Amino acid sequence: MLRIALLIAVIVILVLLVPRLLSRSAKPVVGTAAPDFTLPSQDGSPVSLNDYRGKWVVLYFYPKDQTPGCTREAHQFQVDQPKYAERNAVVLGVSLDSVASHKEFCTKQGLNFKLLADSDHKVTNAYGSLTNLGVVKFAARNTFLIDPHGKIAQVYASVNPAQHSAEVLAELEALRKSGSPER
């Protein structure tokens, strides 16, 4: 009888708590205004989305500095920096790590694009990318392609870090070839 009561209690707790712990805010959808933000970069200087009006912005969220998948993804974006520049685009990475962690990561990995520290989780949450496991919080691996007018042009959820930069570049090229006046 005691086992059954404990089993029922565990099931009730799991049913009530797990959805709350794993819940995320909704991601912004294509065609809507990208949530504005100002966050410190690896050098401590503030970076705002508005700073990049007139350019394409690749805003990518990643879980943690110095981890294998995040390092691979950052290296792909780094290697492709000239291709982004050709397409009037900038890459901004966001995680919950500190400015000091980002600085060390950039130095160690030779990264020269901006990594932004979202220590209070507000921006990651606004983009529906905050994973909350109760004690542990981290950014989900999502990317938002933002057009020169500040609107969401594409949303990538749960990306493959080894191929993602090439995927974003292909989308940028397709949008550029579409001939749309805003592109």
N, C-alpha and C. Protein backbone atom coordinates (compact mmCIF):
# COMPACT_ATOMS: atom_id res chain seq x y z
N MET A 1 0.81 -1.19 0.00
CA MET A 1 0.00 0.00 0.00
C MET A 1 0.86 1.26 0.00
N LEU A 2 1.91 1.24 0.82
CA LEU A 2 2.81 2.39 0.87
C LEU A 2 3.50 2.60 -0.47
N ARG A 3 3.88 1.53 -1.13
CA ARG A 3 4.52 1.64 -2.46
C ARG A 3 3.59 2.28 -3.47
N ILE A 4 2.35 1.90 -3.43
CA ILE A 4 1.38 2.46 -4.37
C ILE A 4 1.20 3.95 -4.10
N ALA A 5 1.11 4.34 -2.84
CA ALA A 5 0.96 5.75 -2.49
C ALA A 5 2.17 6.55 -2.93
N LEU A 6 3.37 6.00 -2.72
CA LEU A 6 4.59 6.69 -3.17
C LEU A 6 4.64 6.79 -4.68
N LEU A 7 4.26 5.74 -5.38
CA LEU A 7 4.25 5.76 -6.84
C LEU A 7 3.28 6.81 -7.36
N ILE A 8 2.11 6.89 -6.76
CA ILE A 8 1.13 7.90 -7.17
C ILE A 8 1.67 9.30 -6.89
N ALA A 9 2.31 9.50 -5.75
CA ALA A 9 2.88 10.81 -5.41
C ALA A 9 3.95 11.20 -6.42
N VAL A 10 4.81 10.26 -6.79
CA VAL A 10 5.87 10.55 -7.77
C VAL A 10 5.26 10.91 -9.12
N ILE A 11 4.24 10.17 -9.54
CA ILE A 11 3.59 10.45 -10.83
C ILE A 11 2.95 11.83 -10.82
N VAL A 12 2.27 12.16 -9.74
CA VAL A 12 1.63 13.48 -9.64
C VAL A 12 2.69 14.59 -9.70
N ILE A 13 3.76 14.41 -8.97
CA ILE A 13 4.84 15.41 -8.99
C ILE A 13 5.41 15.55 -10.39
N LEU A 14 5.67 14.44 -11.05
CA LEU A 14 6.21 14.50 -12.41
C LEU A 14 5.25 15.18 -13.38
N VAL A 15 3.98 14.86 -13.29
CA VAL A 15 2.98 15.44 -14.17
C VAL A 15 2.87 16.95 -13.94
N LEU A 16 2.97 17.39 -12.71
CA LEU A 16 2.83 18.81 -12.41
C LEU A 16 4.11 19.61 -12.59
N LEU A 17 5.25 19.05 -12.24
CA LEU A 17 6.50 19.80 -12.26
C LEU A 17 7.25 19.76 -13.59
N VAL A 18 7.32 18.62 -14.21
CA VAL A 18 8.14 18.50 -15.42
C VAL A 18 7.72 19.49 -16.50
N PRO A 19 6.41 19.61 -16.81
CA PRO A 19 6.06 20.60 -17.84
C PRO A 19 6.47 22.03 -17.48
N ARG A 20 6.39 22.38 -16.18
CA ARG A 20 6.80 23.72 -15.76
C ARG A 20 8.30 23.92 -15.91
N LEU A 21 9.07 22.87 -15.59
CA LEU A 21 10.52 22.98 -15.68
C LEU A 21 10.99 23.05 -17.12
N LEU A 22 10.31 22.36 -17.99
CA LEU A 22 10.73 22.32 -19.39
C LEU A 22 10.06 23.38 -20.25
N SER A 23 9.18 24.17 -19.66
CA SER A 23 8.43 25.14 -20.45
C SER A 23 9.34 26.25 -20.96
N ARG A 24 9.00 26.72 -22.10
CA ARG A 24 9.70 27.84 -22.72
C ARG A 24 8.66 28.83 -23.22
N SER A 25 9.06 30.09 -23.32
CA SER A 25 8.16 31.05 -23.94
C SER A 25 8.14 30.73 -25.43
N ALA A 26 7.14 31.26 -26.08
CA ALA A 26 7.01 31.03 -27.52
C ALA A 26 8.12 31.76 -28.27
N LYS A 27 8.62 31.12 -29.31
CA LYS A 27 9.62 31.75 -30.17
C LYS A 27 8.92 32.79 -31.04
N PRO A 28 9.61 33.88 -31.34
CA PRO A 28 9.04 34.83 -32.29
C PRO A 28 8.86 34.13 -33.64
N VAL A 29 7.83 34.49 -34.37
CA VAL A 29 7.55 33.84 -35.65
C VAL A 29 7.96 34.71 -36.83
N VAL A 30 8.15 34.06 -37.96
CA VAL A 30 8.55 34.74 -39.18
C VAL A 30 7.56 35.87 -39.48
N GLY A 31 8.09 37.04 -39.82
CA GLY A 31 7.27 38.20 -40.16
C GLY A 31 7.02 39.15 -39.01
N THR A 32 7.31 38.73 -37.79
CA THR A 32 7.09 39.60 -36.64
C THR A 32 8.38 40.36 -36.31
N ALA A 33 8.22 41.43 -35.56
CA ALA A 33 9.39 42.21 -35.14
C ALA A 33 10.24 41.39 -34.18
N ALA A 34 11.53 41.41 -34.40
CA ALA A 34 12.45 40.71 -33.50
C ALA A 34 12.49 41.46 -32.18
N PRO A 35 12.41 40.74 -31.06
CA PRO A 35 12.52 41.42 -29.76
C PRO A 35 13.85 42.18 -29.65
N ASP A 36 13.77 43.45 -29.29
CA ASP A 36 14.97 44.27 -29.18
C ASP A 36 15.71 43.89 -27.89
N PHE A 37 16.99 44.18 -27.87
CA PHE A 37 17.80 43.87 -26.69
C PHE A 37 19.06 44.70 -26.70
N THR A 38 19.67 44.80 -25.55
CA THR A 38 21.03 45.31 -25.38
C THR A 38 21.71 44.38 -24.37
N LEU A 39 22.83 43.79 -24.79
CA LEU A 39 23.59 42.87 -23.95
C LEU A 39 25.07 43.19 -24.06
N PRO A 40 25.84 42.87 -23.03
CA PRO A 40 27.29 43.08 -23.11
C PRO A 40 27.96 41.98 -23.96
N SER A 41 28.95 42.40 -24.74
CA SER A 41 29.71 41.44 -25.54
C SER A 41 30.94 40.98 -24.76
N GLN A 42 31.74 40.15 -25.40
CA GLN A 42 32.92 39.59 -24.73
C GLN A 42 33.92 40.67 -24.29
N ASP A 43 33.87 41.85 -24.90
CA ASP A 43 34.79 42.91 -24.47
C ASP A 43 34.12 43.86 -23.47
N GLY A 44 32.88 43.53 -23.08
CA GLY A 44 32.16 44.35 -22.11
C GLY A 44 31.33 45.46 -22.71
N SER A 45 31.50 45.74 -24.00
CA SER A 45 30.75 46.83 -24.62
C SER A 45 29.31 46.39 -24.89
N PRO A 46 28.36 47.32 -24.75
CA PRO A 46 26.96 46.96 -25.00
C PRO A 46 26.69 46.80 -26.50
N VAL A 47 25.89 45.82 -26.84
CA VAL A 47 25.50 45.56 -28.22
C VAL A 47 23.98 45.51 -28.25
N SER A 48 23.39 46.31 -29.13
CA SER A 48 21.93 46.35 -29.29
C SER A 48 21.55 45.84 -30.67
N LEU A 49 20.41 45.21 -30.75
CA LEU A 49 19.91 44.78 -32.06
C LEU A 49 19.77 45.98 -32.99
N ASN A 50 19.32 47.11 -32.44
CA ASN A 50 19.14 48.33 -33.24
C ASN A 50 20.44 48.81 -33.89
N ASP A 51 21.60 48.43 -33.32
CA ASP A 51 22.89 48.82 -33.90
C ASP A 51 23.06 48.27 -35.31
N TYR A 52 22.29 47.24 -35.64
CA TYR A 52 22.48 46.54 -36.90
C TYR A 52 21.33 46.73 -37.88
N ARG A 53 20.52 47.77 -37.69
CA ARG A 53 19.47 48.06 -38.67
C ARG A 53 20.14 48.31 -40.02
N GLY A 54 19.55 47.78 -41.07
CA GLY A 54 20.13 47.89 -42.40
C GLY A 54 21.01 46.69 -42.75
N LYS A 55 21.22 45.80 -41.79
CA LYS A 55 22.00 44.58 -42.02
C LYS A 55 21.16 43.36 -41.64
N TRP A 56 21.51 42.24 -42.22
CA TRP A 56 20.96 40.97 -41.78
C TRP A 56 21.66 40.59 -40.47
N VAL A 57 20.93 40.02 -39.55
CA VAL A 57 21.51 39.57 -38.28
C VAL A 57 21.22 38.08 -38.11
N VAL A 58 22.28 37.33 -37.88
CA VAL A 58 22.16 35.92 -37.52
C VAL A 58 22.33 35.88 -36.01
N LEU A 59 21.21 35.73 -35.30
CA LEU A 59 21.23 35.70 -33.85
C LEU A 59 21.11 34.25 -33.42
N TYR A 60 22.24 33.70 -32.96
CA TYR A 60 22.19 32.29 -32.59
C TYR A 60 22.40 32.11 -31.09
N PHE A 61 21.58 31.25 -30.52
CA PHE A 61 21.63 30.91 -29.11
C PHE A 61 22.32 29.55 -28.98
N TYR A 62 23.18 29.45 -27.99
CA TYR A 62 23.90 28.19 -27.79
C TYR A 62 24.03 27.92 -26.30
N PRO A 63 24.18 26.63 -25.91
CA PRO A 63 24.14 26.29 -24.49
C PRO A 63 25.32 26.76 -23.64
N LYS A 64 26.56 26.56 -24.08
CA LYS A 64 27.68 26.78 -23.15
C LYS A 64 29.00 26.98 -23.89
N ASP A 65 29.78 27.96 -23.45
CA ASP A 65 31.13 28.17 -23.98
C ASP A 65 31.99 26.93 -23.70
N GLN A 66 32.93 26.70 -24.59
CA GLN A 66 33.98 25.67 -24.41
C GLN A 66 33.45 24.24 -24.42
N THR A 67 32.26 24.00 -24.94
CA THR A 67 31.76 22.64 -25.06
C THR A 67 31.90 22.21 -26.52
N PRO A 68 31.99 20.92 -26.80
CA PRO A 68 32.28 20.47 -28.17
C PRO A 68 31.33 20.99 -29.24
N GLY A 69 30.02 20.85 -29.04
CA GLY A 69 29.07 21.29 -30.05
C GLY A 69 29.08 22.80 -30.24
N CYS A 70 29.17 23.53 -29.15
CA CYS A 70 29.18 24.99 -29.22
C CYS A 70 30.46 25.51 -29.86
N THR A 71 31.57 24.84 -29.59
CA THR A 71 32.84 25.22 -30.21
C THR A 71 32.79 24.95 -31.71
N ARG A 72 32.25 23.81 -32.09
CA ARG A 72 32.13 23.48 -33.52
C ARG A 72 31.27 24.51 -34.24
N GLU A 73 30.13 24.85 -33.65
CA GLU A 73 29.22 25.82 -34.27
C GLU A 73 29.91 27.18 -34.40
N ALA A 74 30.58 27.62 -33.34
CA ALA A 74 31.28 28.91 -33.38
C ALA A 74 32.37 28.91 -34.44
N HIS A 75 33.10 27.81 -34.57
CA HIS A 75 34.15 27.73 -35.60
C HIS A 75 33.56 27.84 -36.99
N GLN A 76 32.41 27.21 -37.22
CA GLN A 76 31.77 27.30 -38.53
C GLN A 76 31.38 28.75 -38.84
N PHE A 77 30.80 29.43 -37.86
CA PHE A 77 30.45 30.83 -38.08
C PHE A 77 31.71 31.68 -38.31
N GLN A 78 32.79 31.38 -37.59
CA GLN A 78 34.04 32.12 -37.74
C GLN A 78 34.62 31.95 -39.15
N VAL A 79 34.71 30.73 -39.60
CA VAL A 79 35.26 30.44 -40.93
C VAL A 79 34.46 31.14 -42.02
N ASP A 80 33.15 31.25 -41.82
CA ASP A 80 32.27 31.84 -42.83
C ASP A 80 32.09 33.35 -42.70
N GLN A 81 32.83 34.01 -41.81
CA GLN A 81 32.67 35.46 -41.63
C GLN A 81 32.76 36.25 -42.94
N PRO A 82 33.72 35.97 -43.83
CA PRO A 82 33.76 36.73 -45.10
C PRO A 82 32.49 36.55 -45.94
N LYS A 83 31.90 35.37 -45.91
CA LYS A 83 30.67 35.12 -46.66
C LYS A 83 29.50 35.91 -46.07
N TYR A 84 29.47 36.03 -44.76
CA TYR A 84 28.42 36.84 -44.13
C TYR A 84 28.60 38.31 -44.49
N ALA A 85 29.84 38.77 -44.47
CA ALA A 85 30.12 40.17 -44.83
C ALA A 85 29.67 40.46 -46.26
N GLU A 86 29.90 39.52 -47.18
CA GLU A 86 29.46 39.69 -48.58
C GLU A 86 27.95 39.83 -48.69
N ARG A 87 27.25 39.26 -47.76
CA ARG A 87 25.78 39.27 -47.77
C ARG A 87 25.20 40.34 -46.83
N ASN A 88 26.03 41.27 -46.39
CA ASN A 88 25.59 42.35 -45.51
C ASN A 88 24.97 41.79 -44.22
N ALA A 89 25.63 40.78 -43.66
CA ALA A 89 25.10 40.12 -42.47
C ALA A 89 26.15 40.07 -41.36
N VAL A 90 25.67 40.09 -40.13
CA VAL A 90 26.54 39.92 -38.96
C VAL A 90 26.03 38.72 -38.16
N VAL A 91 26.95 38.10 -37.45
CA VAL A 91 26.62 36.97 -36.59
C VAL A 91 26.78 37.42 -35.14
N LEU A 92 25.77 37.15 -34.33
CA LEU A 92 25.81 37.42 -32.90
C LEU A 92 25.43 36.14 -32.17
N GLY A 93 26.31 35.68 -31.29
CA GLY A 93 26.03 34.50 -30.48
C GLY A 93 25.57 34.91 -29.10
N VAL A 94 24.63 34.16 -28.54
CA VAL A 94 24.10 34.47 -27.20
C VAL A 94 24.06 33.19 -26.36
N SER A 95 24.58 33.29 -25.15
CA SER A 95 24.40 32.22 -24.16
C SER A 95 24.25 32.87 -22.79
N LEU A 96 24.01 32.05 -21.80
CA LEU A 96 23.85 32.56 -20.43
C LEU A 96 25.19 32.75 -19.74
N ASP A 97 26.29 32.39 -20.41
CA ASP A 97 27.62 32.53 -19.84
C ASP A 97 27.97 34.00 -19.61
N SER A 98 28.95 34.24 -18.75
CA SER A 98 29.36 35.60 -18.39
C SER A 98 30.23 36.23 -19.48
N VAL A 99 30.42 37.53 -19.35
CA VAL A 99 31.32 38.26 -20.24
C VAL A 99 32.72 37.65 -20.17
N ALA A 100 33.20 37.35 -18.97
CA ALA A 100 34.54 36.77 -18.80
C ALA A 100 34.65 35.41 -19.49
N SER A 101 33.62 34.61 -19.39
CA SER A 101 33.62 33.31 -20.07
C SER A 101 33.68 33.48 -21.58
N HIS A 102 32.88 34.43 -22.10
CA HIS A 102 32.89 34.71 -23.55
C HIS A 102 34.26 35.20 -24.01
N LYS A 103 34.86 36.06 -23.20
CA LYS A 103 36.18 36.59 -23.56
C LYS A 103 37.20 35.46 -23.65
N GLU A 104 37.19 34.59 -22.68
CA GLU A 104 38.12 33.44 -22.68
C GLU A 104 37.84 32.52 -23.88
N PHE A 105 36.58 32.27 -24.16
CA PHE A 105 36.18 31.41 -25.28
C PHE A 105 36.66 32.01 -26.61
N CYS A 106 36.42 33.30 -26.80
CA CYS A 106 36.85 33.97 -28.04
C CYS A 106 38.36 33.94 -28.20
N THR A 107 39.07 34.21 -27.13
CA THR A 107 40.54 34.21 -27.17
C THR A 107 41.06 32.82 -27.49
N LYS A 108 40.57 31.83 -26.77
CA LYS A 108 41.04 30.45 -26.95
C LYS A 108 40.71 29.91 -28.33
N GLN A 109 39.54 30.26 -28.87
CA GLN A 109 39.09 29.70 -30.14
C GLN A 109 39.32 30.62 -31.34
N GLY A 110 39.88 31.81 -31.12
CA GLY A 110 40.15 32.73 -32.22
C GLY A 110 38.89 33.28 -32.88
N LEU A 111 37.88 33.58 -32.08
CA LEU A 111 36.61 34.10 -32.60
C LEU A 111 36.65 35.62 -32.63
N ASN A 112 36.20 36.22 -33.74
CA ASN A 112 36.22 37.68 -33.81
C ASN A 112 34.83 38.28 -34.02
N PHE A 113 33.79 37.48 -33.91
CA PHE A 113 32.44 38.05 -33.94
C PHE A 113 31.94 38.17 -32.50
N LYS A 114 30.83 38.86 -32.32
CA LYS A 114 30.35 39.17 -30.97
C LYS A 114 29.62 37.99 -30.33
N LEU A 115 30.01 37.69 -29.10
CA LEU A 115 29.28 36.77 -28.24
C LEU A 115 28.69 37.61 -27.12
N LEU A 116 27.40 37.44 -26.88
CA LEU A 116 26.68 38.29 -25.93
C LEU A 116 26.30 37.50 -24.68
N ALA A 117 26.49 38.14 -23.54
CA ALA A 117 26.22 37.51 -22.24
C ALA A 117 24.81 37.87 -21.76
N ASP A 118 23.95 36.87 -21.70
CA ASP A 118 22.58 37.08 -21.23
C ASP A 118 22.45 36.48 -19.82
N SER A 119 23.16 37.08 -18.88
CA SER A 119 23.22 36.55 -17.51
C SER A 119 21.88 36.55 -16.79
N ASP A 120 20.99 37.47 -17.14
CA ASP A 120 19.69 37.49 -16.46
C ASP A 120 18.61 36.73 -17.24
N HIS A 121 18.98 36.13 -18.36
CA HIS A 121 18.13 35.22 -19.16
C HIS A 121 16.98 35.91 -19.88
N LYS A 122 16.87 37.21 -19.81
CA LYS A 122 15.70 37.90 -20.38
C LYS A 122 15.63 37.79 -21.90
N VAL A 123 16.76 37.96 -22.58
CA VAL A 123 16.75 37.91 -24.05
C VAL A 123 16.53 36.47 -24.52
N THR A 124 17.21 35.53 -23.88
CA THR A 124 17.04 34.13 -24.25
C THR A 124 15.58 33.72 -24.06
N ASN A 125 14.97 34.17 -23.00
CA ASN A 125 13.56 33.88 -22.76
C ASN A 125 12.67 34.56 -23.79
N ALA A 126 12.96 35.82 -24.13
CA ALA A 126 12.15 36.55 -25.12
C ALA A 126 12.17 35.86 -26.48
N TYR A 127 13.25 35.15 -26.79
CA TYR A 127 13.36 34.43 -28.05
C TYR A 127 12.94 32.96 -27.91
N GLY A 128 12.29 32.61 -26.80
CA GLY A 128 11.79 31.25 -26.61
C GLY A 128 12.88 30.21 -26.60
N SER A 129 14.07 30.59 -26.15
CA SER A 129 15.22 29.69 -26.21
C SER A 129 15.78 29.32 -24.84
N LEU A 130 15.07 29.66 -23.78
CA LEU A 130 15.55 29.33 -22.44
C LEU A 130 15.07 27.94 -22.05
N THR A 131 16.02 27.07 -21.74
CA THR A 131 15.70 25.75 -21.20
C THR A 131 15.90 25.82 -19.70
N ASN A 132 14.84 25.51 -18.96
CA ASN A 132 14.86 25.62 -17.52
C ASN A 132 14.62 24.24 -16.92
N LEU A 133 15.67 23.65 -16.39
CA LEU A 133 15.55 22.35 -15.75
C LEU A 133 15.53 22.50 -14.23
N GLY A 134 15.02 23.62 -13.77
CA GLY A 134 14.94 23.88 -12.34
C GLY A 134 16.23 24.46 -11.81
N VAL A 135 17.17 23.61 -11.48
CA VAL A 135 18.46 24.05 -10.94
C VAL A 135 19.37 24.54 -12.06
N VAL A 136 19.26 23.95 -13.23
CA VAL A 136 20.14 24.27 -14.36
C VAL A 136 19.33 24.98 -15.45
N LYS A 137 19.88 26.08 -15.94
CA LYS A 137 19.27 26.82 -17.05
C LYS A 137 20.32 27.01 -18.12
N PHE A 138 19.90 26.89 -19.38
CA PHE A 138 20.81 27.13 -20.49
C PHE A 138 20.01 27.51 -21.72
N ALA A 139 20.69 28.06 -22.69
CA ALA A 139 20.05 28.45 -23.94
C ALA A 139 19.95 27.23 -24.86
N ALA A 140 18.79 27.05 -25.46
CA ALA A 140 18.61 26.00 -26.45
C ALA A 140 19.30 26.44 -27.74
N ARG A 141 19.73 25.50 -28.54
CA ARG A 141 20.45 25.78 -29.78
C ARG A 141 19.45 26.18 -30.87
N ASN A 142 19.07 27.47 -30.86
CA ASN A 142 18.14 28.03 -31.83
C ASN A 142 18.79 29.23 -32.51
N THR A 143 18.37 29.50 -33.73
CA THR A 143 18.89 30.65 -34.47
C THR A 143 17.74 31.42 -35.09
N PHE A 144 17.90 32.74 -35.12
CA PHE A 144 16.91 33.62 -35.72
C PHE A 144 17.61 34.48 -36.76
N LEU A 145 17.14 34.41 -38.00
CA LEU A 145 17.65 35.25 -39.07
C LEU A 145 16.74 36.47 -39.09
N ILE A 146 17.34 37.64 -38.85
CA ILE A 146 16.59 38.89 -38.74
C ILE A 146 16.93 39.76 -39.94
N ASP A 147 15.90 40.25 -40.62
CA ASP A 147 16.13 41.03 -41.84
C ASP A 147 16.60 42.45 -41.52
N PRO A 148 17.02 43.20 -42.53
CA PRO A 148 17.54 44.56 -42.29
C PRO A 148 16.54 45.54 -41.66
N HIS A 149 15.26 45.17 -41.66
CA HIS A 149 14.24 46.03 -41.05
C HIS A 149 13.88 45.59 -39.64
N GLY A 150 14.56 44.56 -39.13
CA GLY A 150 14.32 44.12 -37.77
C GLY A 150 13.21 43.10 -37.62
N LYS A 151 12.83 42.45 -38.71
CA LYS A 151 11.78 41.42 -38.65
C LYS A 151 12.41 40.03 -38.75
N ILE A 152 11.77 39.07 -38.11
CA ILE A 152 12.22 37.68 -38.17
C ILE A 152 11.97 37.16 -39.59
N ALA A 153 13.04 36.72 -40.25
CA ALA A 153 12.93 36.18 -41.61
C ALA A 153 12.94 34.65 -41.62
N GLN A 154 13.58 34.05 -40.62
CA GLN A 154 13.67 32.59 -40.55
C GLN A 154 13.95 32.18 -39.11
N VAL A 155 13.40 31.06 -38.69
CA VAL A 155 13.64 30.51 -37.36
C VAL A 155 14.18 29.09 -37.54
N TYR A 156 15.29 28.82 -36.89
CA TYR A 156 15.90 27.48 -36.91
C TYR A 156 15.88 26.96 -35.48
N ALA A 157 15.22 25.82 -35.27
CA ALA A 157 15.15 25.24 -33.93
C ALA A 157 15.99 23.97 -33.87
N SER A 158 16.68 23.79 -32.75
CA SER A 158 17.47 22.58 -32.51
C SER A 158 18.39 22.26 -33.69
N VAL A 159 19.30 23.14 -33.97
CA VAL A 159 20.15 23.02 -35.16
C VAL A 159 21.31 22.04 -34.98
N ASN A 160 21.86 21.60 -36.09
CA ASN A 160 23.06 20.77 -36.11
C ASN A 160 24.26 21.70 -36.18
N PRO A 161 25.09 21.76 -35.15
CA PRO A 161 26.19 22.74 -35.12
C PRO A 161 27.21 22.57 -36.25
N ALA A 162 27.36 21.38 -36.77
CA ALA A 162 28.36 21.14 -37.82
C ALA A 162 27.93 21.70 -39.18
N GLN A 163 26.62 21.83 -39.41
CA GLN A 163 26.12 22.25 -40.73
C GLN A 163 25.37 23.57 -40.71
N HIS A 164 25.19 24.12 -39.55
CA HIS A 164 24.25 25.23 -39.42
C HIS A 164 24.67 26.49 -40.17
N SER A 165 25.91 26.86 -40.10
CA SER A 165 26.34 28.08 -40.79
C SER A 165 26.07 27.98 -42.29
N ALA A 166 26.37 26.84 -42.88
CA ALA A 166 26.11 26.65 -44.32
C ALA A 166 24.62 26.76 -44.62
N GLU A 167 23.79 26.25 -43.71
CA GLU A 167 22.34 26.32 -43.88
C GLU A 167 21.86 27.78 -43.87
N VAL A 168 22.39 28.57 -42.95
CA VAL A 168 22.00 29.98 -42.84
C VAL A 168 22.48 30.75 -44.07
N LEU A 169 23.70 30.48 -44.51
CA LEU A 169 24.23 31.16 -45.71
C LEU A 169 23.38 30.84 -46.94
N ALA A 170 22.95 29.60 -47.07
CA ALA A 170 22.10 29.21 -48.20
C ALA A 170 20.77 29.97 -48.16
N GLU A 171 20.21 30.11 -46.97
CA GLU A 171 18.95 30.86 -46.83
C GLU A 171 19.16 32.34 -47.15
N LEU A 172 20.25 32.91 -46.68
CA LEU A 172 20.55 34.31 -47.01
C LEU A 172 20.67 34.50 -48.51
N GLU A 173 21.33 33.59 -49.18
CA GLU A 173 21.50 33.67 -50.63
C GLU A 173 20.15 33.56 -51.33
N ALA A 174 19.32 32.65 -50.88
CA ALA A 174 17.99 32.48 -51.48
C ALA A 174 17.15 33.75 -51.29
N LEU A 175 17.21 34.35 -50.12
CA LEU A 175 16.47 35.57 -49.87
C LEU A 175 17.00 36.72 -50.73
N ARG A 176 18.30 36.76 -50.90
CA ARG A 176 18.90 37.81 -51.73
C ARG A 176 18.48 37.65 -53.19
N LYS A 177 18.44 36.41 -53.67
CA LYS A 177 18.07 36.15 -55.07
C LYS A 177 16.58 36.33 -55.31
N SER A 178 15.78 36.32 -54.24
CA SER A 178 14.34 36.47 -54.39
C SER A 178 13.99 37.85 -54.93
N GLY A 179 14.95 38.78 -54.80
CA GLY A 179 14.73 40.12 -55.35
C GLY A 179 13.78 40.98 -54.55
N SER A 180 13.42 40.55 -53.38
CA SER A 180 12.53 41.34 -52.54
C SER A 180 13.19 42.68 -52.23
N PRO A 181 12.44 43.79 -52.30
CA PRO A 181 13.02 45.12 -52.08
C PRO A 181 13.74 45.27 -50.74
N GLU A 182 13.28 44.58 -49.72
CA GLU A 182 13.91 44.76 -48.41
C GLU A 182 15.19 43.96 -48.29
N ARG A 183 15.51 43.16 -49.25
CA ARG A 183 16.69 42.33 -49.16
C ARG A 183 17.73 42.86 -50.08
